[in-house]
Structure formats: C-alpha cells, structure tokens
PDB file of all heavy atoms in Angstrom:
ATOM      1  N   SER A   1       0.840  -1.173   0.015  1.00  0.00           N
ATOM      2  CA  SER A   1       0.010   0.011   0.036  1.00  0.00           C
ATOM      3  C   SER A   1       0.849   1.221  -0.026  1.00  0.00           C
ATOM      4  O   SER A   1       1.998   1.181   0.419  1.00  0.00           O
ATOM      5  CB  SER A   1      -0.927   0.015   1.170  1.00  0.00           C
ATOM      6  OG  SER A   1      -0.227   0.298   2.429  1.00  0.00           O
ATOM      7  N   ILE A   2       0.337   2.370  -0.468  1.00  0.00           N
ATOM      8  CA  ILE A   2       0.937   3.592  -0.385  1.00  0.00           C
ATOM      9  C   ILE A   2       0.041   4.759   0.170  1.00  0.00           C
ATOM     10  O   ILE A   2      -1.145   4.773  -0.239  1.00  0.00           O
ATOM     11  CB  ILE A   2       1.518   4.030  -1.799  1.00  0.00           C
ATOM     12  CG1 ILE A   2       2.168   5.441  -1.818  1.00  0.00           C
ATOM     13  CG2 ILE A   2       0.379   3.955  -2.884  1.00  0.00           C
ATOM     14  CD1 ILE A   2       2.898   5.787  -2.999  1.00  0.00           C
ATOM     15  N   LEU A   3       0.475   5.445   1.112  1.00  0.00           N
ATOM     16  CA  LEU A   3      -0.315   6.539   1.681  1.00  0.00           C
ATOM     17  C   LEU A   3       0.279   7.822   1.078  1.00  0.00           C
ATOM     18  O   LEU A   3       1.467   8.191   1.245  1.00  0.00           O
ATOM     19  CB  LEU A   3      -0.130   6.584   3.244  1.00  0.00           C
ATOM     20  CG  LEU A   3      -0.699   7.815   4.001  1.00  0.00           C
ATOM     21  CD1 LEU A   3      -2.152   7.776   3.929  1.00  0.00           C
ATOM     22  CD2 LEU A   3      -0.106   7.792   5.359  1.00  0.00           C
ATOM     23  N   ILE A   4      -0.590   8.473   0.303  1.00  0.00           N
ATOM     24  CA  ILE A   4      -0.174   9.781  -0.244  1.00  0.00           C
ATOM     25  C   ILE A   4      -0.811  10.930   0.606  1.00  0.00           C
ATOM     26  O   ILE A   4      -2.004  10.914   0.829  1.00  0.00           O
ATOM     27  CB  ILE A   4      -0.626   9.916  -1.728  1.00  0.00           C
ATOM     28  CG1 ILE A   4       0.026   8.730  -2.582  1.00  0.00           C
ATOM     29  CG2 ILE A   4      -0.364  11.177  -2.402  1.00  0.00           C
ATOM     30  CD1 ILE A   4      -0.445   8.602  -4.006  1.00  0.00           C
ATOM     31  N   THR A   5       0.115  11.764   1.016  1.00  0.00           N
ATOM     32  CA  THR A   5      -0.425  12.909   1.826  1.00  0.00           C
ATOM     33  C   THR A   5       0.139  14.161   1.277  1.00  0.00           C
ATOM     34  O   THR A   5       1.275  14.184   0.659  1.00  0.00           O
ATOM     35  CB  THR A   5      -0.025  12.623   3.336  1.00  0.00           C
ATOM     36  OG1 THR A   5      -0.510  13.652   4.051  1.00  0.00           O
ATOM     37  CG2 THR A   5       1.497  12.658   3.434  1.00  0.00           C
ATOM     38  N   ASN A   6      -0.546  15.238   1.621  1.00  0.00           N
ATOM     39  CA  ASN A   6      -0.011  16.576   1.210  1.00  0.00           C
ATOM     40  C   ASN A   6       0.954  17.146   2.216  1.00  0.00           C
ATOM     41  O   ASN A   6       1.039  16.793   3.389  1.00  0.00           O
ATOM     42  CB  ASN A   6      -1.159  17.573   1.124  1.00  0.00           C
ATOM     43  CG  ASN A   6      -1.878  17.421  -0.247  1.00  0.00           C
ATOM     44  OD1 ASN A   6      -1.357  17.687  -1.332  1.00  0.00           O
ATOM     45  ND2 ASN A   6      -3.157  17.026  -0.148  1.00  0.00           N
ATOM     46  N   LEU A   7       1.781  18.086   1.743  1.00  0.00           N
ATOM     47  CA  LEU A   7       2.695  18.813   2.588  1.00  0.00           C
ATOM     48  C   LEU A   7       1.950  19.745   3.582  1.00  0.00           C
ATOM     49  O   LEU A   7       1.079  20.429   3.250  1.00  0.00           O
ATOM     50  CB  LEU A   7       3.671  19.657   1.714  1.00  0.00           C
ATOM     51  CG  LEU A   7       4.657  20.578   2.411  1.00  0.00           C
ATOM     52  CD1 LEU A   7       5.609  19.860   3.226  1.00  0.00           C
ATOM     53  CD2 LEU A   7       5.282  21.505   1.411  1.00  0.00           C
ATOM     54  N   LEU A   8       2.376  19.592   4.836  1.00  0.00           N
ATOM     55  CA  LEU A   8       2.003  20.596   5.815  1.00  0.00           C
ATOM     56  C   LEU A   8       3.088  21.505   6.075  1.00  0.00           C
ATOM     57  O   LEU A   8       4.102  21.229   6.693  1.00  0.00           O
ATOM     58  CB  LEU A   8       1.652  19.815   7.251  1.00  0.00           C
ATOM     59  CG  LEU A   8       1.161  20.768   8.377  1.00  0.00           C
ATOM     60  CD1 LEU A   8      -0.125  21.479   7.973  1.00  0.00           C
ATOM     61  CD2 LEU A   8       0.981  20.015   9.648  1.00  0.00           C
ATOM     62  N   PRO A   9       3.004  22.748   5.546  1.00  0.00           N
ATOM     63  CA  PRO A   9       4.154  23.638   5.578  1.00  0.00           C
ATOM     64  C   PRO A   9       4.529  24.039   6.983  1.00  0.00           C
ATOM     65  O   PRO A   9       3.652  24.380   7.790  1.00  0.00           O
ATOM     66  CB  PRO A   9       3.707  24.833   4.728  1.00  0.00           C
ATOM     67  CG  PRO A   9       2.512  24.348   3.967  1.00  0.00           C
ATOM     68  CD  PRO A   9       1.907  23.270   4.744  1.00  0.00           C
ATOM     69  N   LEU A  10       5.762  24.116   7.287  1.00  0.00           N
ATOM     70  CA  LEU A  10       6.196  24.575   8.607  1.00  0.00           C
ATOM     71  C   LEU A  10       7.049  25.903   8.480  1.00  0.00           C
ATOM     72  O   LEU A  10       7.409  26.447   9.490  1.00  0.00           O
ATOM     73  CB  LEU A  10       7.110  23.456   9.169  1.00  0.00           C
ATOM     74  CG  LEU A  10       6.420  22.023   9.268  1.00  0.00           C
ATOM     75  CD1 LEU A  10       7.458  21.065   9.733  1.00  0.00           C
ATOM     76  CD2 LEU A  10       5.301  22.091  10.271  1.00  0.00           C
ATOM     77  N   THR A  11       7.238  26.272   7.259  1.00  0.00           N
ATOM     78  CA  THR A  11       7.874  27.633   7.034  1.00  0.00           C
ATOM     79  C   THR A  11       7.119  28.423   5.935  1.00  0.00           C
ATOM     80  O   THR A  11       6.336  27.765   5.096  1.00  0.00           O
ATOM     81  CB  THR A  11       9.345  27.513   6.620  1.00  0.00           C
ATOM     82  OG1 THR A  11       9.391  26.823   5.278  1.00  0.00           O
ATOM     83  CG2 THR A  11      10.152  26.569   7.607  1.00  0.00           C
ATOM     84  N   GLU A  12       7.380  29.682   5.752  1.00  0.00           N
ATOM     85  CA  GLU A  12       6.755  30.448   4.691  1.00  0.00           C
ATOM     86  C   GLU A  12       7.165  29.870   3.378  1.00  0.00           C
ATOM     87  O   GLU A  12       6.438  29.923   2.334  1.00  0.00           O
ATOM     88  CB  GLU A  12       7.139  31.857   4.902  1.00  0.00           C
ATOM     89  CG  GLU A  12       6.300  32.799   4.077  1.00  0.00           C
ATOM     90  CD  GLU A  12       6.581  34.253   4.418  1.00  0.00           C
ATOM     91  OE1 GLU A  12       7.280  34.595   5.392  1.00  0.00           O
ATOM     92  OE2 GLU A  12       5.963  35.175   3.730  1.00  0.00           O
ATOM     93  N   ASP A  13       8.449  29.571   3.231  1.00  0.00           N
ATOM     94  CA  ASP A  13       8.960  28.972   1.950  1.00  0.00           C
ATOM     95  C   ASP A  13       8.309  27.746   1.556  1.00  0.00           C
ATOM     96  O   ASP A  13       7.929  27.481   0.341  1.00  0.00           O
ATOM     97  CB  ASP A  13      10.423  28.850   1.972  1.00  0.00           C
ATOM     98  CG  ASP A  13      11.249  30.114   1.881  1.00  0.00           C
ATOM     99  OD1 ASP A  13      10.636  31.215   1.407  1.00  0.00           O
ATOM    100  OD2 ASP A  13      12.370  30.184   2.320  1.00  0.00           O
ATOM    101  N   GLN A  14       8.092  26.854   2.491  1.00  0.00           N
ATOM    102  CA  GLN A  14       7.358  25.554   2.210  1.00  0.00           C
ATOM    103  C   GLN A  14       6.025  25.821   1.770  1.00  0.00           C
ATOM    104  O   GLN A  14       5.371  24.975   1.067  1.00  0.00           O
ATOM    105  CB  GLN A  14       7.426  24.636   3.455  1.00  0.00           C
ATOM    106  CG  GLN A  14       8.794  24.156   3.815  1.00  0.00           C
ATOM    107  CD  GLN A  14       8.745  23.228   4.970  1.00  0.00           C
ATOM    108  OE1 GLN A  14       7.735  22.903   5.466  1.00  0.00           O
ATOM    109  NE2 GLN A  14       9.985  22.781   5.433  1.00  0.00           N
ATOM    110  N   ALA A  15       5.357  26.931   2.241  1.00  0.00           N
ATOM    111  CA  ALA A  15       3.945  27.153   1.925  1.00  0.00           C
ATOM    112  C   ALA A  15       3.744  27.330   0.416  1.00  0.00           C
ATOM    113  O   ALA A  15       2.700  27.224  -0.129  1.00  0.00           O
ATOM    114  CB  ALA A  15       3.489  28.371   2.648  1.00  0.00           C
ATOM    115  N   LYS A  16       4.862  27.728  -0.301  1.00  0.00           N
ATOM    116  CA  LYS A  16       4.819  27.897  -1.729  1.00  0.00           C
ATOM    117  C   LYS A  16       4.783  26.538  -2.492  1.00  0.00           C
ATOM    118  O   LYS A  16       4.567  26.553  -3.728  1.00  0.00           O
ATOM    119  CB  LYS A  16       5.942  28.805  -2.132  1.00  0.00           C
ATOM    120  CG  LYS A  16       6.079  30.102  -1.501  1.00  0.00           C
ATOM    121  CD  LYS A  16       7.341  30.803  -1.853  1.00  0.00           C
ATOM    122  CE  LYS A  16       7.484  32.175  -1.142  1.00  0.00           C
ATOM    123  NZ  LYS A  16       8.830  32.787  -1.348  1.00  0.00           N
ATOM    124  N   ASP A  17       5.155  25.455  -1.782  1.00  0.00           N
ATOM    125  CA  ASP A  17       5.228  24.171  -2.428  1.00  0.00           C
ATOM    126  C   ASP A  17       3.890  23.341  -2.493  1.00  0.00           C
ATOM    127  O   ASP A  17       3.958  22.268  -2.961  1.00  0.00           O
ATOM    128  CB  ASP A  17       6.292  23.346  -1.772  1.00  0.00           C
ATOM    129  CG  ASP A  17       7.714  23.876  -2.264  1.00  0.00           C
ATOM    130  OD1 ASP A  17       7.882  24.468  -3.282  1.00  0.00           O
ATOM    131  OD2 ASP A  17       8.625  23.777  -1.385  1.00  0.00           O
ATOM    132  N   ILE A  18       2.919  23.826  -1.880  1.00  0.00           N
ATOM    133  CA  ILE A  18       1.643  23.015  -1.702  1.00  0.00           C
ATOM    134  C   ILE A  18       0.917  22.942  -3.097  1.00  0.00           C
ATOM    135  O   ILE A  18       1.094  23.857  -3.891  1.00  0.00           O
ATOM    136  CB  ILE A  18       0.682  23.556  -0.665  1.00  0.00           C
ATOM    137  CG1 ILE A  18       0.209  24.929  -0.965  1.00  0.00           C
ATOM    138  CG2 ILE A  18       1.362  23.589   0.737  1.00  0.00           C
ATOM    139  CD1 ILE A  18      -0.910  25.401  -0.041  1.00  0.00           C
ATOM    140  N   VAL A  19       0.143  21.855  -3.173  1.00  0.00           N
ATOM    141  CA  VAL A  19      -0.486  21.652  -4.521  1.00  0.00           C
ATOM    142  C   VAL A  19      -2.046  21.759  -4.287  1.00  0.00           C
ATOM    143  O   VAL A  19      -2.826  21.507  -5.293  1.00  0.00           O
ATOM    144  CB  VAL A  19      -0.167  20.319  -5.171  1.00  0.00           C
ATOM    145  CG1 VAL A  19       1.277  20.214  -5.476  1.00  0.00           C
ATOM    146  CG2 VAL A  19      -0.569  19.132  -4.277  1.00  0.00           C
ATOM    147  N   TYR A  20      -2.413  21.938  -3.033  1.00  0.00           N
ATOM    148  CA  TYR A  20      -3.963  21.909  -2.782  1.00  0.00           C
ATOM    149  C   TYR A  20      -4.543  23.308  -2.667  1.00  0.00           C
ATOM    150  O   TYR A  20      -5.698  23.546  -2.038  1.00  0.00           O
ATOM    151  CB  TYR A  20      -4.201  21.063  -1.474  1.00  0.00           C
ATOM    152  CG  TYR A  20      -3.396  21.440  -0.294  1.00  0.00           C
ATOM    153  CD1 TYR A  20      -3.737  22.451   0.537  1.00  0.00           C
ATOM    154  CD2 TYR A  20      -2.199  20.857  -0.065  1.00  0.00           C
ATOM    155  CE1 TYR A  20      -2.958  22.859   1.723  1.00  0.00           C
ATOM    156  CE2 TYR A  20      -1.378  21.068   1.027  1.00  0.00           C
ATOM    157  CZ  TYR A  20      -1.792  22.105   1.934  1.00  0.00           C
ATOM    158  OH  TYR A  20      -0.990  22.460   2.990  1.00  0.00           O
ATOM    159  N   ASP A  21      -3.886  24.315  -3.139  1.00  0.00           N
ATOM    160  CA  ASP A  21      -4.331  25.659  -3.122  1.00  0.00           C
ATOM    161  C   ASP A  21      -4.886  26.125  -4.486  1.00  0.00           C
ATOM    162  O   ASP A  21      -5.186  27.336  -4.695  1.00  0.00           O
ATOM    163  CB  ASP A  21      -3.237  26.589  -2.627  1.00  0.00           C
ATOM    164  CG  ASP A  21      -2.098  26.590  -3.576  1.00  0.00           C
ATOM    165  OD1 ASP A  21      -1.986  25.764  -4.508  1.00  0.00           O
ATOM    166  OD2 ASP A  21      -1.156  27.457  -3.449  1.00  0.00           O
ATOM    167  N   GLY A  22      -5.124  25.198  -5.408  1.00  0.00           N
ATOM    168  CA  GLY A  22      -5.670  25.511  -6.684  1.00  0.00           C
ATOM    169  C   GLY A  22      -4.547  25.959  -7.723  1.00  0.00           C
ATOM    170  O   GLY A  22      -4.936  26.229  -8.821  1.00  0.00           O
ATOM    171  N   SER A  23      -3.313  25.933  -7.341  1.00  0.00           N
ATOM    172  CA  SER A  23      -2.240  26.334  -8.184  1.00  0.00           C
ATOM    173  C   SER A  23      -1.853  25.277  -9.183  1.00  0.00           C
ATOM    174  O   SER A  23      -1.129  25.337 -10.206  1.00  0.00           O
ATOM    175  CB  SER A  23      -0.998  26.811  -7.381  1.00  0.00           C
ATOM    176  OG  SER A  23      -0.534  25.777  -6.595  1.00  0.00           O
ATOM    177  N   VAL A  24      -2.334  23.986  -8.827  1.00  0.00           N
ATOM    178  CA  VAL A  24      -1.915  22.824  -9.620  1.00  0.00           C
ATOM    179  C   VAL A  24      -3.184  22.028 -10.035  1.00  0.00           C
ATOM    180  O   VAL A  24      -4.067  21.853  -9.147  1.00  0.00           O
ATOM    181  CB  VAL A  24      -1.000  21.931  -8.794  1.00  0.00           C
ATOM    182  CG1 VAL A  24      -0.725  20.571  -9.597  1.00  0.00           C
ATOM    183  CG2 VAL A  24       0.391  22.624  -8.673  1.00  0.00           C
ATOM    184  N   GLU A  25      -3.237  21.545 -11.205  1.00  0.00           N
ATOM    185  CA  GLU A  25      -4.407  20.804 -11.638  1.00  0.00           C
ATOM    186  C   GLU A  25      -4.095  19.227 -11.344  1.00  0.00           C
ATOM    187  O   GLU A  25      -3.223  18.658 -11.841  1.00  0.00           O
ATOM    188  CB  GLU A  25      -4.661  20.985 -13.162  1.00  0.00           C
ATOM    189  CG  GLU A  25      -5.753  20.026 -13.703  1.00  0.00           C
ATOM    190  CD  GLU A  25      -7.089  20.159 -12.911  1.00  0.00           C
ATOM    191  OE1 GLU A  25      -7.567  21.253 -12.861  1.00  0.00           O
ATOM    192  OE2 GLU A  25      -7.560  19.097 -12.481  1.00  0.00           O
ATOM    193  N   MET A  26      -4.831  18.743 -10.392  1.00  0.00           N
ATOM    194  CA  MET A  26      -4.480  17.366  -9.862  1.00  0.00           C
ATOM    195  C   MET A  26      -5.430  16.287 -10.434  1.00  0.00           C
ATOM    196  O   MET A  26      -5.220  15.063 -10.232  1.00  0.00           O
ATOM    197  CB  MET A  26      -4.585  17.323  -8.386  1.00  0.00           C
ATOM    198  CG  MET A  26      -3.394  18.101  -7.641  1.00  0.00           C
ATOM    199  SD  MET A  26      -1.846  17.476  -8.027  1.00  0.00           S
ATOM    200  CE  MET A  26      -1.922  15.842  -7.266  1.00  0.00           C
ATOM    201  N   ASP A  27      -6.493  16.584 -11.067  1.00  0.00           N
ATOM    202  CA  ASP A  27      -7.514  15.628 -11.541  1.00  0.00           C
ATOM    203  C   ASP A  27      -6.934  14.611 -12.433  1.00  0.00           C
ATOM    204  O   ASP A  27      -7.187  13.401 -12.243  1.00  0.00           O
ATOM    205  CB  ASP A  27      -8.659  16.293 -12.235  1.00  0.00           C
ATOM    206  CG  ASP A  27      -9.523  17.166 -11.280  1.00  0.00           C
ATOM    207  OD1 ASP A  27      -9.446  16.953 -10.048  1.00  0.00           O
ATOM    208  OD2 ASP A  27     -10.295  17.935 -11.768  1.00  0.00           O
ATOM    209  N   GLY A  28      -6.097  14.913 -13.372  1.00  0.00           N
ATOM    210  CA  GLY A  28      -5.587  13.903 -14.265  1.00  0.00           C
ATOM    211  C   GLY A  28      -4.581  13.045 -13.486  1.00  0.00           C
ATOM    212  O   GLY A  28      -4.601  11.774 -13.768  1.00  0.00           O
ATOM    213  N   ILE A  29      -3.799  13.495 -12.524  1.00  0.00           N
ATOM    214  CA  ILE A  29      -2.959  12.724 -11.714  1.00  0.00           C
ATOM    215  C   ILE A  29      -3.709  11.702 -10.908  1.00  0.00           C
ATOM    216  O   ILE A  29      -3.388  10.549 -10.789  1.00  0.00           O
ATOM    217  CB  ILE A  29      -2.091  13.637 -10.773  1.00  0.00           C
ATOM    218  CG1 ILE A  29      -1.196  14.642 -11.621  1.00  0.00           C
ATOM    219  CG2 ILE A  29      -1.175  12.791  -9.958  1.00  0.00           C
ATOM    220  CD1 ILE A  29      -0.134  14.022 -12.409  1.00  0.00           C
ATOM    221  N   ILE A  30      -4.819  12.196 -10.327  1.00  0.00           N
ATOM    222  CA  ILE A  30      -5.629  11.368  -9.386  1.00  0.00           C
ATOM    223  C   ILE A  30      -6.296  10.260 -10.282  1.00  0.00           C
ATOM    224  O   ILE A  30      -6.408   9.054  -9.875  1.00  0.00           O
ATOM    225  CB  ILE A  30      -6.806  12.178  -8.764  1.00  0.00           C
ATOM    226  CG1 ILE A  30      -6.147  13.196  -7.758  1.00  0.00           C
ATOM    227  CG2 ILE A  30      -7.727  11.275  -8.023  1.00  0.00           C
ATOM    228  CD1 ILE A  30      -7.096  14.293  -7.322  1.00  0.00           C
ATOM    229  N   ASN A  31      -6.720  10.458 -11.470  1.00  0.00           N
ATOM    230  CA  ASN A  31      -7.323   9.523 -12.353  1.00  0.00           C
ATOM    231  C   ASN A  31      -6.400   8.400 -12.622  1.00  0.00           C
ATOM    232  O   ASN A  31      -6.749   7.274 -12.630  1.00  0.00           O
ATOM    233  CB  ASN A  31      -7.846  10.132 -13.596  1.00  0.00           C
ATOM    234  CG  ASN A  31      -9.099  11.019 -13.351  1.00  0.00           C
ATOM    235  OD1 ASN A  31      -9.810  10.833 -12.353  1.00  0.00           O
ATOM    236  ND2 ASN A  31      -9.464  11.939 -14.274  1.00  0.00           N
ATOM    237  N   GLU A  32      -5.112   8.846 -12.981  1.00  0.00           N
ATOM    238  CA  GLU A  32      -4.046   7.852 -13.303  1.00  0.00           C
ATOM    239  C   GLU A  32      -3.799   6.924 -12.143  1.00  0.00           C
ATOM    240  O   GLU A  32      -3.668   5.645 -12.284  1.00  0.00           O
ATOM    241  CB  GLU A  32      -2.737   8.471 -13.767  1.00  0.00           C
ATOM    242  CG  GLU A  32      -2.819   9.153 -15.105  1.00  0.00           C
ATOM    243  CD  GLU A  32      -1.379   9.481 -15.584  1.00  0.00           C
ATOM    244  OE1 GLU A  32      -0.459   8.653 -15.701  1.00  0.00           O
ATOM    245  OE2 GLU A  32      -1.179  10.727 -15.713  1.00  0.00           O
ATOM    246  N   ILE A  33      -3.687   7.522 -10.967  1.00  0.00           N
ATOM    247  CA  ILE A  33      -3.360   6.763  -9.726  1.00  0.00           C
ATOM    248  C   ILE A  33      -4.516   5.739  -9.390  1.00  0.00           C
ATOM    249  O   ILE A  33      -4.346   4.659  -9.081  1.00  0.00           O
ATOM    250  CB  ILE A  33      -3.139   7.759  -8.537  1.00  0.00           C
ATOM    251  CG1 ILE A  33      -1.847   8.450  -8.757  1.00  0.00           C
ATOM    252  CG2 ILE A  33      -3.123   6.969  -7.239  1.00  0.00           C
ATOM    253  CD1 ILE A  33      -1.653   9.556  -7.713  1.00  0.00           C
ATOM    254  N   GLU A  34      -5.752   6.227  -9.496  1.00  0.00           N
ATOM    255  CA  GLU A  34      -6.978   5.354  -9.240  1.00  0.00           C
ATOM    256  C   GLU A  34      -6.957   4.161 -10.184  1.00  0.00           C
ATOM    257  O   GLU A  34      -7.352   3.121  -9.769  1.00  0.00           O
ATOM    258  CB  GLU A  34      -8.167   6.200  -9.330  1.00  0.00           C
ATOM    259  CG  GLU A  34      -8.326   7.152  -8.068  1.00  0.00           C
ATOM    260  CD  GLU A  34      -9.552   8.012  -8.202  1.00  0.00           C
ATOM    261  OE1 GLU A  34     -10.110   8.147  -9.348  1.00  0.00           O
ATOM    262  OE2 GLU A  34      -9.954   8.579  -7.229  1.00  0.00           O
ATOM    263  N   LYS A  35      -6.630   4.316 -11.360  1.00  0.00           N
ATOM    264  CA  LYS A  35      -6.524   3.223 -12.313  1.00  0.00           C
ATOM    265  C   LYS A  35      -5.472   2.259 -11.973  1.00  0.00           C
ATOM    266  O   LYS A  35      -5.649   1.020 -11.933  1.00  0.00           O
ATOM    267  CB  LYS A  35      -6.195   3.734 -13.712  1.00  0.00           C
ATOM    268  CG  LYS A  35      -7.388   4.458 -14.418  1.00  0.00           C
ATOM    269  CD  LYS A  35      -6.954   5.028 -15.751  1.00  0.00           C
ATOM    270  CE  LYS A  35      -8.125   5.875 -16.378  1.00  0.00           C
ATOM    271  NZ  LYS A  35      -7.685   6.489 -17.698  1.00  0.00           N
ATOM    272  N   LEU A  36      -4.318   2.706 -11.573  1.00  0.00           N
ATOM    273  CA  LEU A  36      -3.258   1.852 -11.036  1.00  0.00           C
ATOM    274  C   LEU A  36      -3.593   1.090  -9.804  1.00  0.00           C
ATOM    275  O   LEU A  36      -3.175  -0.086  -9.561  1.00  0.00           O
ATOM    276  CB  LEU A  36      -1.983   2.690 -10.821  1.00  0.00           C
ATOM    277  CG  LEU A  36      -1.324   3.244 -12.068  1.00  0.00           C
ATOM    278  CD1 LEU A  36      -0.277   4.272 -11.699  1.00  0.00           C
ATOM    279  CD2 LEU A  36      -0.622   2.095 -12.923  1.00  0.00           C
TER     280      LEU A  36
END
C-alpha cells in the first residue's frame, strides 16, 4: 500500500510548495493513480 499525503508547511517558503491551493491541476494525476 501507499499513503499519499499533502505537505503541511512549517515555514513560509514551504507554503509555496503546496498543490492543494488551486495552483496545480490534480484531476488527471488522481485519475491515473486510481486506475493503477
């Protein structure tokens, strides 16, 4: 099994690396993973 989790930023710089703020389109990635 694999547990995929998002980054919990601990610094201001890390806050720029999150993908759950609408800055990244994740639907295609999710669909690929669900098929696998």
